[in-house]
Amino acid sequence: MTLRRLLFVVVFILAFPYDASAIEWLKYFTFSEKGVLRIWKEKLHQGKVDYKVIHEPITGDHIRGVANAAASGLYYEIKNNPKEMPYLSWK
């Protein structure tokens, strides 16, 4: 974890007067972990897309999809109650 990300997590935790176990819903994804694509599901629309994790020092780790007359999407299923947690945030 970079210092910037660690600082964000610390500020986030201190900004809310809850026990750390109360924020177990917080999910942080990183594509630098080995085998990370196994936790994502693929929704096929037409054919299969070849997804790979790309490690680049300037832009950071990300996913690249290569397709030939195919279309699909990767998703991570989140189980939450919108009345308890009505907000989602990502970048």
PDB file of N, CA and C in Angstrom:
ATOM      1  N   MET A   1       0.854  -1.168   0.000  1.00  0.00           N
ATOM      2  CA  MET A   1       0.000   0.000   0.000  1.00  0.00           C
ATOM      3  C   MET A   1       0.903   1.235   0.000  1.00  0.00           C
ATOM      4  N   THR A   2       0.615   2.175  -0.882  1.00  0.00           N
ATOM      5  CA  THR A   2       1.419   3.378  -0.951  1.00  0.00           C
ATOM      6  C   THR A   2       1.092   4.280   0.225  1.00  0.00           C
ATOM      7  N   LEU A   3       1.976   5.209   0.495  1.00  0.00           N
ATOM      8  CA  LEU A   3       1.774   6.144   1.597  1.00  0.00           C
ATOM      9  C   LEU A   3       0.513   6.976   1.377  1.00  0.00           C
ATOM     10  N   ARG A   4       0.259   7.358   0.153  1.00  0.00           N
ATOM     11  CA  ARG A   4      -0.940   8.148  -0.170  1.00  0.00           C
ATOM     12  C   ARG A   4      -2.214   7.370   0.144  1.00  0.00           C
ATOM     13  N   ARG A   5      -2.257   6.099  -0.243  1.00  0.00           N
ATOM     14  CA  ARG A   5      -3.435   5.276   0.031  1.00  0.00           C
ATOM     15  C   ARG A   5      -3.594   5.020   1.526  1.00  0.00           C
ATOM     16  N   LEU A   6      -2.492   4.783   2.195  1.00  0.00           N
ATOM     17  CA  LEU A   6      -2.538   4.564   3.636  1.00  0.00           C
ATOM     18  C   LEU A   6      -3.072   5.805   4.343  1.00  0.00           C
ATOM     19  N   LEU A   7      -2.624   6.972   3.921  1.00  0.00           N
ATOM     20  CA  LEU A   7      -3.091   8.220   4.510  1.00  0.00           C
ATOM     21  C   LEU A   7      -4.595   8.386   4.279  1.00  0.00           C
ATOM     22  N   PHE A   8      -5.065   8.043   3.091  1.00  0.00           N
ATOM     23  CA  PHE A   8      -6.502   8.119   2.805  1.00  0.00           C
ATOM     24  C   PHE A   8      -7.287   7.232   3.765  1.00  0.00           C
ATOM     25  N   VAL A   9      -6.845   6.001   3.941  1.00  0.00           N
ATOM     26  CA  VAL A   9      -7.553   5.064   4.821  1.00  0.00           C
ATOM     27  C   VAL A   9      -7.566   5.583   6.252  1.00  0.00           C
ATOM     28  N   VAL A  10      -6.443   6.110   6.722  1.00  0.00           N
ATOM     29  CA  VAL A  10      -6.372   6.630   8.094  1.00  0.00           C
ATOM     30  C   VAL A  10      -7.315   7.818   8.261  1.00  0.00           C
ATOM     31  N   VAL A  11      -7.300   8.743   7.300  1.00  0.00           N
ATOM     32  CA  VAL A  11      -8.193   9.902   7.374  1.00  0.00           C
ATOM     33  C   VAL A  11      -9.649   9.456   7.312  1.00  0.00           C
ATOM     34  N   PHE A  12      -9.933   8.488   6.458  1.00  0.00           N
ATOM     35  CA  PHE A  12     -11.300   7.969   6.342  1.00  0.00           C
ATOM     36  C   PHE A  12     -11.768   7.380   7.661  1.00  0.00           C
ATOM     37  N   ILE A  13     -10.934   6.589   8.284  1.00  0.00           N
ATOM     38  CA  ILE A  13     -11.309   5.944   9.555  1.00  0.00           C
ATOM     39  C   ILE A  13     -11.487   6.994  10.652  1.00  0.00           C
ATOM     40  N   LEU A  14     -10.593   7.988  10.704  1.00  0.00           N
ATOM     41  CA  LEU A  14     -10.695   9.012  11.738  1.00  0.00           C
ATOM     42  C   LEU A  14     -11.877   9.956  11.514  1.00  0.00           C
ATOM     43  N   ALA A  15     -12.326  10.085  10.272  1.00  0.00           N
ATOM     44  CA  ALA A  15     -13.435  10.994   9.972  1.00  0.00           C
ATOM     45  C   ALA A  15     -14.770  10.457  10.468  1.00  0.00           C
ATOM     46  N   PHE A  16     -14.858   9.168  10.700  1.00  0.00           N
ATOM     47  CA  PHE A  16     -16.094   8.558  11.159  1.00  0.00           C
ATOM     48  C   PHE A  16     -15.887   7.971  12.551  1.00  0.00           C
ATOM     49  N   PRO A  17     -16.740   8.322  13.496  1.00  0.00           N
ATOM     50  CA  PRO A  17     -16.555   7.863  14.879  1.00  0.00           C
ATOM     51  C   PRO A  17     -17.061   6.442  15.115  1.00  0.00           C
ATOM     52  N   TYR A  18     -16.721   5.526  14.233  1.00  0.00           N
ATOM     53  CA  TYR A  18     -17.162   4.140  14.370  1.00  0.00           C
ATOM     54  C   TYR A  18     -15.991   3.239  14.692  1.00  0.00           C
ATOM     55  N   ASP A  19     -16.333   2.109  15.228  1.00  0.00           N
ATOM     56  CA  ASP A  19     -15.370   1.043  15.445  1.00  0.00           C
ATOM     57  C   ASP A  19     -14.873   0.568  14.077  1.00  0.00           C
ATOM     58  N   ALA A  20     -13.610   0.156  13.983  1.00  0.00           N
ATOM     59  CA  ALA A  20     -13.052  -0.305  12.708  1.00  0.00           C
ATOM     60  C   ALA A  20     -13.842  -1.460  12.119  1.00  0.00           C
ATOM     61  N   SER A  21     -14.441  -2.295  12.957  1.00  0.00           N
ATOM     62  CA  SER A  21     -15.239  -3.405  12.440  1.00  0.00           C
ATOM     63  C   SER A  21     -16.521  -2.923  11.772  1.00  0.00           C
ATOM     64  N   ALA A  22     -16.931  -1.693  12.052  1.00  0.00           N
ATOM     65  CA  ALA A  22     -18.137  -1.149  11.455  1.00  0.00           C
ATOM     66  C   ALA A  22     -17.943  -0.795   9.990  1.00  0.00           C
ATOM     67  N   ILE A  23     -16.689  -0.719   9.531  1.00  0.00           N
ATOM     68  CA  ILE A  23     -16.457  -0.389   8.124  1.00  0.00           C
ATOM     69  C   ILE A  23     -15.978  -1.608   7.347  1.00  0.00           C
ATOM     70  N   GLU A  24     -16.440  -2.781   7.744  1.00  0.00           N
ATOM     71  CA  GLU A  24     -16.053  -3.995   7.040  1.00  0.00           C
ATOM     72  C   GLU A  24     -16.568  -4.013   5.612  1.00  0.00           C
ATOM     73  N   TRP A  25     -17.521  -3.157   5.282  1.00  0.00           N
ATOM     74  CA  TRP A  25     -18.067  -3.060   3.939  1.00  0.00           C
ATOM     75  C   TRP A  25     -17.111  -2.373   2.974  1.00  0.00           C
ATOM     76  N   LEU A  26     -16.101  -1.678   3.493  1.00  0.00           N
ATOM     77  CA  LEU A  26     -15.159  -0.972   2.641  1.00  0.00           C
ATOM     78  C   LEU A  26     -14.333  -1.981   1.842  1.00  0.00           C
ATOM     79  N   LYS A  27     -14.399  -1.897   0.537  1.00  0.00           N
ATOM     80  CA  LYS A  27     -13.684  -2.834  -0.336  1.00  0.00           C
ATOM     81  C   LYS A  27     -12.704  -2.049  -1.180  1.00  0.00           C
ATOM     82  N   TYR A  28     -11.444  -2.438  -1.090  1.00  0.00           N
ATOM     83  CA  TYR A  28     -10.392  -1.801  -1.867  1.00  0.00           C
ATOM     84  C   TYR A  28      -9.860  -2.811  -2.867  1.00  0.00           C
ATOM     85  N   PHE A  29      -9.867  -2.450  -4.140  1.00  0.00           N
ATOM     86  CA  PHE A  29      -9.381  -3.340  -5.181  1.00  0.00           C
ATOM     87  C   PHE A  29      -8.023  -2.877  -5.675  1.00  0.00           C
ATOM     88  N   THR A  30      -7.158  -3.819  -5.898  1.00  0.00           N
ATOM     89  CA  THR A  30      -5.888  -3.529  -6.532  1.00  0.00           C
ATOM     90  C   THR A  30      -5.641  -4.602  -7.578  1.00  0.00           C
ATOM     91  N   PHE A  31      -5.138  -4.197  -8.709  1.00  0.00           N
ATOM     92  CA  PHE A  31      -4.866  -5.158  -9.771  1.00  0.00           C
ATOM     93  C   PHE A  31      -3.421  -5.640  -9.738  1.00  0.00           C
ATOM     94  N   SER A  32      -2.688  -5.307  -8.685  1.00  0.00           N
ATOM     95  CA  SER A  32      -1.310  -5.769  -8.570  1.00  0.00           C
ATOM     96  C   SER A  32      -1.206  -7.117  -7.857  1.00  0.00           C
ATOM     97  N   GLU A  33      -2.295  -7.577  -7.267  1.00  0.00           N
ATOM     98  CA  GLU A  33      -2.276  -8.868  -6.582  1.00  0.00           C
ATOM     99  C   GLU A  33      -2.296 -10.011  -7.585  1.00  0.00           C
ATOM    100  N   LYS A  34      -1.569 -11.059  -7.290  1.00  0.00           N
ATOM    101  CA  LYS A  34      -1.543 -12.224  -8.170  1.00  0.00           C
ATOM    102  C   LYS A  34      -2.905 -12.910  -8.176  1.00  0.00           C
ATOM    103  N   GLY A  35      -3.398 -13.240  -9.355  1.00  0.00           N
ATOM    104  CA  GLY A  35      -4.666 -13.944  -9.484  1.00  0.00           C
ATOM    105  C   GLY A  35      -5.892 -13.087  -9.232  1.00  0.00           C
ATOM    106  N   VAL A  36      -5.756 -11.769  -9.281  1.00  0.00           N
ATOM    107  CA  VAL A  36      -6.876 -10.880  -8.944  1.00  0.00           C
ATOM    108  C   VAL A  36      -8.061 -11.054  -9.888  1.00  0.00           C
ATOM    109  N   LEU A  37      -7.844 -11.455 -11.115  1.00  0.00           N
ATOM    110  CA  LEU A  37      -8.963 -11.610 -12.048  1.00  0.00           C
ATOM    111  C   LEU A  37      -9.896 -12.756 -11.681  1.00  0.00           C
ATOM    112  N   ARG A  38      -9.459 -13.652 -10.805  1.00  0.00           N
ATOM    113  CA  ARG A  38     -10.320 -14.769 -10.398  1.00  0.00           C
ATOM    114  C   ARG A  38     -11.493 -14.328  -9.528  1.00  0.00           C
ATOM    115  N   ILE A  39     -11.392 -13.163  -8.883  1.00  0.00           N
ATOM    116  CA  ILE A  39     -12.493 -12.697  -8.038  1.00  0.00           C
ATOM    117  C   ILE A  39     -13.526 -11.905  -8.838  1.00  0.00           C
ATOM    118  N   TRP A  40     -13.229 -11.616 -10.099  1.00  0.00           N
ATOM    119  CA  TRP A  40     -14.150 -10.890 -10.962  1.00  0.00           C
ATOM    120  C   TRP A  40     -14.915 -11.877 -11.827  1.00  0.00           C
ATOM    121  N   LYS A  41     -16.158 -11.546 -12.140  1.00  0.00           N
ATOM    122  CA  LYS A  41     -16.972 -12.375 -13.017  1.00  0.00           C
ATOM    123  C   LYS A  41     -17.042 -11.699 -14.385  1.00  0.00           C
ATOM    124  N   GLU A  42     -17.250 -12.520 -15.414  1.00  0.00           N
ATOM    125  CA  GLU A  42     -17.349 -11.981 -16.763  1.00  0.00           C
ATOM    126  C   GLU A  42     -18.766 -12.179 -17.285  1.00  0.00           C
ATOM    127  N   LYS A  43     -19.343 -11.102 -17.793  1.00  0.00           N
ATOM    128  CA  LYS A  43     -20.656 -11.155 -18.430  1.00  0.00           C
ATOM    129  C   LYS A  43     -20.417 -11.176 -19.940  1.00  0.00           C
ATOM    130  N   LEU A  44     -20.727 -12.316 -20.558  1.00  0.00           N
ATOM    131  CA  LEU A  44     -20.532 -12.464 -21.995  1.00  0.00           C
ATOM    132  C   LEU A  44     -21.724 -11.889 -22.747  1.00  0.00           C
ATOM    133  N   HIS A  45     -21.429 -11.099 -23.750  1.00  0.00           N
ATOM    134  CA  HIS A  45     -22.473 -10.573 -24.631  1.00  0.00           C
ATOM    135  C   HIS A  45     -22.370 -11.239 -26.000  1.00  0.00           C
ATOM    136  N   GLN A  46     -21.149 -11.363 -26.483  1.00  0.00           N
ATOM    137  CA  GLN A  46     -20.904 -12.046 -27.767  1.00  0.00           C
ATOM    138  C   GLN A  46     -19.430 -12.463 -27.780  1.00  0.00           C
ATOM    139  N   GLY A  47     -19.190 -13.749 -27.747  1.00  0.00           N
ATOM    140  CA  GLY A  47     -17.812 -14.233 -27.762  1.00  0.00           C
ATOM    141  C   GLY A  47     -17.104 -13.997 -26.442  1.00  0.00           C
ATOM    142  N   LYS A  48     -15.804 -14.211 -26.440  1.00  0.00           N
ATOM    143  CA  LYS A  48     -14.992 -14.107 -25.228  1.00  0.00           C
ATOM    144  C   LYS A  48     -13.901 -13.065 -25.434  1.00  0.00           C
ATOM    145  N   VAL A  49     -13.692 -12.249 -24.437  1.00  0.00           N
ATOM    146  CA  VAL A  49     -12.644 -11.232 -24.449  1.00  0.00           C
ATOM    147  C   VAL A  49     -11.481 -11.745 -23.609  1.00  0.00           C
ATOM    148  N   ASP A  50     -10.267 -11.521 -24.076  1.00  0.00           N
ATOM    149  CA  ASP A  50      -9.061 -11.931 -23.348  1.00  0.00           C
ATOM    150  C   ASP A  50      -8.639 -10.775 -22.435  1.00  0.00           C
ATOM    151  N   TYR A  51      -8.817 -10.947 -21.120  1.00  0.00           N
ATOM    152  CA  TYR A  51      -8.454  -9.920 -20.143  1.00  0.00           C
ATOM    153  C   TYR A  51      -7.118 -10.269 -19.507  1.00  0.00           C
ATOM    154  N   LYS A  52      -6.271  -9.257 -19.369  1.00  0.00           N
ATOM    155  CA  LYS A  52      -4.968  -9.429 -18.721  1.00  0.00           C
ATOM    156  C   LYS A  52      -4.679  -8.233 -17.831  1.00  0.00           C
ATOM    157  N   VAL A  53      -3.955  -8.484 -16.738  1.00  0.00           N
ATOM    158  CA  VAL A  53      -3.504  -7.411 -15.871  1.00  0.00           C
ATOM    159  C   VAL A  53      -2.225  -6.838 -16.479  1.00  0.00           C
ATOM    160  N   ILE A  54      -2.195  -5.532 -16.641  1.00  0.00           N
ATOM    161  CA  ILE A  54      -1.035  -4.835 -17.186  1.00  0.00           C
ATOM    162  C   ILE A  54      -0.396  -4.034 -16.067  1.00  0.00           C
ATOM    163  N   HIS A  55       0.892  -4.214 -15.878  1.00  0.00           N
ATOM    164  CA  HIS A  55       1.642  -3.477 -14.853  1.00  0.00           C
ATOM    165  C   HIS A  55       2.450  -2.388 -15.551  1.00  0.00           C
ATOM    166  N   GLU A  56       2.120  -1.132 -15.271  1.00  0.00           N
ATOM    167  CA  GLU A  56       2.849  -0.004 -15.834  1.00  0.00           C
ATOM    168  C   GLU A  56       3.207   0.964 -14.719  1.00  0.00           C
ATOM    169  N   PRO A  57       4.472   1.359 -14.644  1.00  0.00           N
ATOM    170  CA  PRO A  57       4.904   2.211 -13.539  1.00  0.00           C
ATOM    171  C   PRO A  57       4.280   3.608 -13.555  1.00  0.00           C
ATOM    172  N   ILE A  58       3.971   4.155 -14.719  1.00  0.00           N
ATOM    173  CA  ILE A  58       3.448   5.515 -14.783  1.00  0.00           C
ATOM    174  C   ILE A  58       1.938   5.545 -14.562  1.00  0.00           C
ATOM    175  N   THR A  59       1.204   4.729 -15.285  1.00  0.00           N
ATOM    176  CA  THR A  59      -0.258   4.749 -15.177  1.00  0.00           C
ATOM    177  C   THR A  59      -0.791   3.827 -14.095  1.00  0.00           C
ATOM    178  N   GLY A  60       0.026   2.933 -13.608  1.00  0.00           N
ATOM    179  CA  GLY A  60      -0.407   1.993 -12.577  1.00  0.00           C
ATOM    180  C   GLY A  60      -0.940   0.712 -13.178  1.00  0.00           C
ATOM    181  N   ASP A  61      -1.284  -0.221 -12.316  1.00  0.00           N
ATOM    182  CA  ASP A  61      -1.810  -1.513 -12.763  1.00  0.00           C
ATOM    183  C   ASP A  61      -3.249  -1.341 -13.235  1.00  0.00           C
ATOM    184  N   HIS A  62      -3.576  -1.993 -14.325  1.00  0.00           N
ATOM    185  CA  HIS A  62      -4.922  -1.921 -14.864  1.00  0.00           C
ATOM    186  C   HIS A  62      -5.224  -3.163 -15.691  1.00  0.00           C
ATOM    187  N   ILE A  63      -6.467  -3.269 -16.132  1.00  0.00           N
ATOM    188  CA  ILE A  63      -6.904  -4.415 -16.927  1.00  0.00           C
ATOM    189  C   ILE A  63      -6.959  -3.996 -18.387  1.00  0.00           C
ATOM    190  N   ARG A  64      -6.474  -4.876 -19.259  1.00  0.00           N
ATOM    191  CA  ARG A  64      -6.587  -4.653 -20.701  1.00  0.00           C
ATOM    192  C   ARG A  64      -7.380  -5.801 -21.285  1.00  0.00           C
ATOM    193  N   GLY A  65      -8.378  -5.456 -22.076  1.00  0.00           N
ATOM    194  CA  GLY A  65      -9.205  -6.458 -22.744  1.00  0.00           C
ATOM    195  C   GLY A  65      -8.943  -6.426 -24.238  1.00  0.00           C
ATOM    196  N   VAL A  66      -8.702  -7.587 -24.830  1.00  0.00           N
ATOM    197  CA  VAL A  66      -8.479  -7.704 -26.271  1.00  0.00           C
ATOM    198  C   VAL A  66      -9.560  -8.619 -26.826  1.00  0.00           C
ATOM    199  N   ALA A  67     -10.241  -8.140 -27.878  1.00  0.00           N
ATOM    200  CA  ALA A  67     -11.355  -8.898 -28.431  1.00  0.00           C
ATOM    201  C   ALA A  67     -11.306  -8.897 -29.950  1.00  0.00           C
ATOM    202  N   ASN A  68     -11.794  -9.975 -30.522  1.00  0.00           N
ATOM    203  CA  ASN A  68     -11.947 -10.090 -31.966  1.00  0.00           C
ATOM    204  C   ASN A  68     -13.406 -10.462 -32.219  1.00  0.00           C
ATOM    205  N   ALA A  69     -14.211  -9.462 -32.607  1.00  0.00           N
ATOM    206  CA  ALA A  69     -15.655  -9.654 -32.810  1.00  0.00           C
ATOM    207  C   ALA A  69     -16.319 -10.229 -31.566  1.00  0.00           C
ATOM    208  N   ALA A  70     -15.953  -9.692 -30.397  1.00  0.00           N
ATOM    209  CA  ALA A  70     -16.500 -10.161 -29.122  1.00  0.00           C
ATOM    210  C   ALA A  70     -16.810  -8.957 -28.241  1.00  0.00           C
ATOM    211  N   ALA A  71     -17.657  -9.189 -27.259  1.00  0.00           N
ATOM    212  CA  ALA A  71     -18.001  -8.134 -26.302  1.00  0.00           C
ATOM    213  C   ALA A  71     -18.368  -8.778 -24.973  1.00  0.00           C
ATOM    214  N   SER A  72     -17.776  -8.283 -23.907  1.00  0.00           N
ATOM    215  CA  SER A  72     -18.091  -8.760 -22.564  1.00  0.00           C
ATOM    216  C   SER A  72     -17.712  -7.679 -21.568  1.00  0.00           C
ATOM    217  N   GLY A  73     -17.975  -7.927 -20.326  1.00  0.00           N
ATOM    218  CA  GLY A  73     -17.608  -6.993 -19.274  1.00  0.00           C
ATOM    219  C   GLY A  73     -17.237  -7.738 -18.015  1.00  0.00           C
ATOM    220  N   LEU A  74     -16.340  -7.150 -17.241  1.00  0.00           N
ATOM    221  CA  LEU A  74     -15.958  -7.721 -15.949  1.00  0.00           C
ATOM    222  C   LEU A  74     -16.731  -6.992 -14.864  1.00  0.00           C
ATOM    223  N   TYR A  75     -17.152  -7.740 -13.853  1.00  0.00           N
ATOM    224  CA  TYR A  75     -17.841  -7.113 -12.732  1.00  0.00           C
ATOM    225  C   TYR A  75     -17.523  -7.856 -11.446  1.00  0.00           C
ATOM    226  N   TYR A  76     -17.667  -7.145 -10.352  1.00  0.00           N
ATOM    227  CA  TYR A  76     -17.510  -7.702  -9.013  1.00  0.00           C
ATOM    228  C   TYR A  76     -18.846  -7.537  -8.310  1.00  0.00           C
ATOM    229  N   GLU A  77     -19.410  -8.626  -7.870  1.00  0.00           N
ATOM    230  CA  GLU A  77     -20.729  -8.591  -7.253  1.00  0.00           C
ATOM    231  C   GLU A  77     -20.628  -8.091  -5.812  1.00  0.00           C
ATOM    232  N   ILE A  78     -21.402  -7.069  -5.532  1.00  0.00           N
ATOM    233  CA  ILE A  78     -21.439  -6.495  -4.183  1.00  0.00           C
ATOM    234  C   ILE A  78     -22.815  -6.771  -3.605  1.00  0.00           C
ATOM    235  N   LYS A  79     -22.842  -7.379  -2.449  1.00  0.00           N
ATOM    236  CA  LYS A  79     -24.107  -7.643  -1.771  1.00  0.00           C
ATOM    237  C   LYS A  79     -24.248  -6.609  -0.655  1.00  0.00           C
ATOM    238  N   ASN A  80     -25.188  -5.699  -0.839  1.00  0.00           N
ATOM    239  CA  ASN A  80     -25.412  -4.704   0.198  1.00  0.00           C
ATOM    240  C   ASN A  80     -26.888  -4.343   0.259  1.00  0.00           C
ATOM    241  N   ASN A  81     -27.270  -3.784   1.351  1.00  0.00           N
ATOM    242  CA  ASN A  81     -28.622  -3.280   1.534  1.00  0.00           C
ATOM    243  C   ASN A  81     -28.565  -1.779   1.275  1.00  0.00           C
ATOM    244  N   PRO A  82     -29.206  -1.282   0.195  1.00  0.00           N
ATOM    245  CA  PRO A  82     -29.130   0.134  -0.124  1.00  0.00           C
ATOM    246  C   PRO A  82     -29.692   1.052   0.968  1.00  0.00           C
ATOM    247  N   LYS A  83     -30.543   0.518   1.841  1.00  0.00           N
ATOM    248  CA  LYS A  83     -31.040   1.335   2.950  1.00  0.00           C
ATOM    249  C   LYS A  83     -29.955   1.547   3.999  1.00  0.00           C
ATOM    250  N   GLU A  84     -29.059   0.580   4.148  1.00  0.00           N
ATOM    251  CA  GLU A  84     -27.973   0.696   5.116  1.00  0.00           C
ATOM    252  C   GLU A  84     -26.757   1.390   4.516  1.00  0.00           C
ATOM    253  N   MET A  85     -26.509   1.169   3.241  1.00  0.00           N
ATOM    254  CA  MET A  85     -25.344   1.746   2.571  1.00  0.00           C
ATOM    255  C   MET A  85     -25.793   2.269   1.197  1.00  0.00           C
ATOM    256  N   PRO A  86     -26.355   3.484   1.165  1.00  0.00           N
ATOM    257  CA  PRO A  86     -26.948   3.975  -0.080  1.00  0.00           C
ATOM    258  C   PRO A  86     -25.959   4.566  -1.078  1.00  0.00           C
ATOM    259  N   TYR A  87     -24.654   4.558  -0.788  1.00  0.00           N
ATOM    260  CA  TYR A  87     -23.689   5.191  -1.674  1.00  0.00           C
ATOM    261  C   TYR A  87     -22.628   4.211  -2.151  1.00  0.00           C
ATOM    262  N   LEU A  88     -22.245   4.341  -3.403  1.00  0.00           N
ATOM    263  CA  LEU A  88     -21.122   3.609  -3.974  1.00  0.00           C
ATOM    264  C   LEU A  88     -20.171   4.635  -4.574  1.00  0.00           C
ATOM    265  N   SER A  89     -18.902   4.390  -4.493  1.00  0.00           N
ATOM    266  CA  SER A  89     -17.917   5.309  -5.038  1.00  0.00           C
ATOM    267  C   SER A  89     -16.805   4.486  -5.674  1.00  0.00           C
ATOM    268  N   TRP A  90     -16.340   4.908  -6.812  1.00  0.00           N
ATOM    269  CA  TRP A  90     -15.232   4.223  -7.472  1.00  0.00           C
ATOM    270  C   TRP A  90     -14.497   5.184  -8.364  1.00  0.00           C
ATOM    271  N   LYS A  91     -13.310   4.773  -8.800  1.00  0.00           N
ATOM    272  CA  LYS A  91     -12.554   5.564  -9.768  1.00  0.00           C
ATOM    273  C   LYS A  91     -11.791   4.646 -10.653  1.00  0.00           C
TER     274      LYS A  91
END
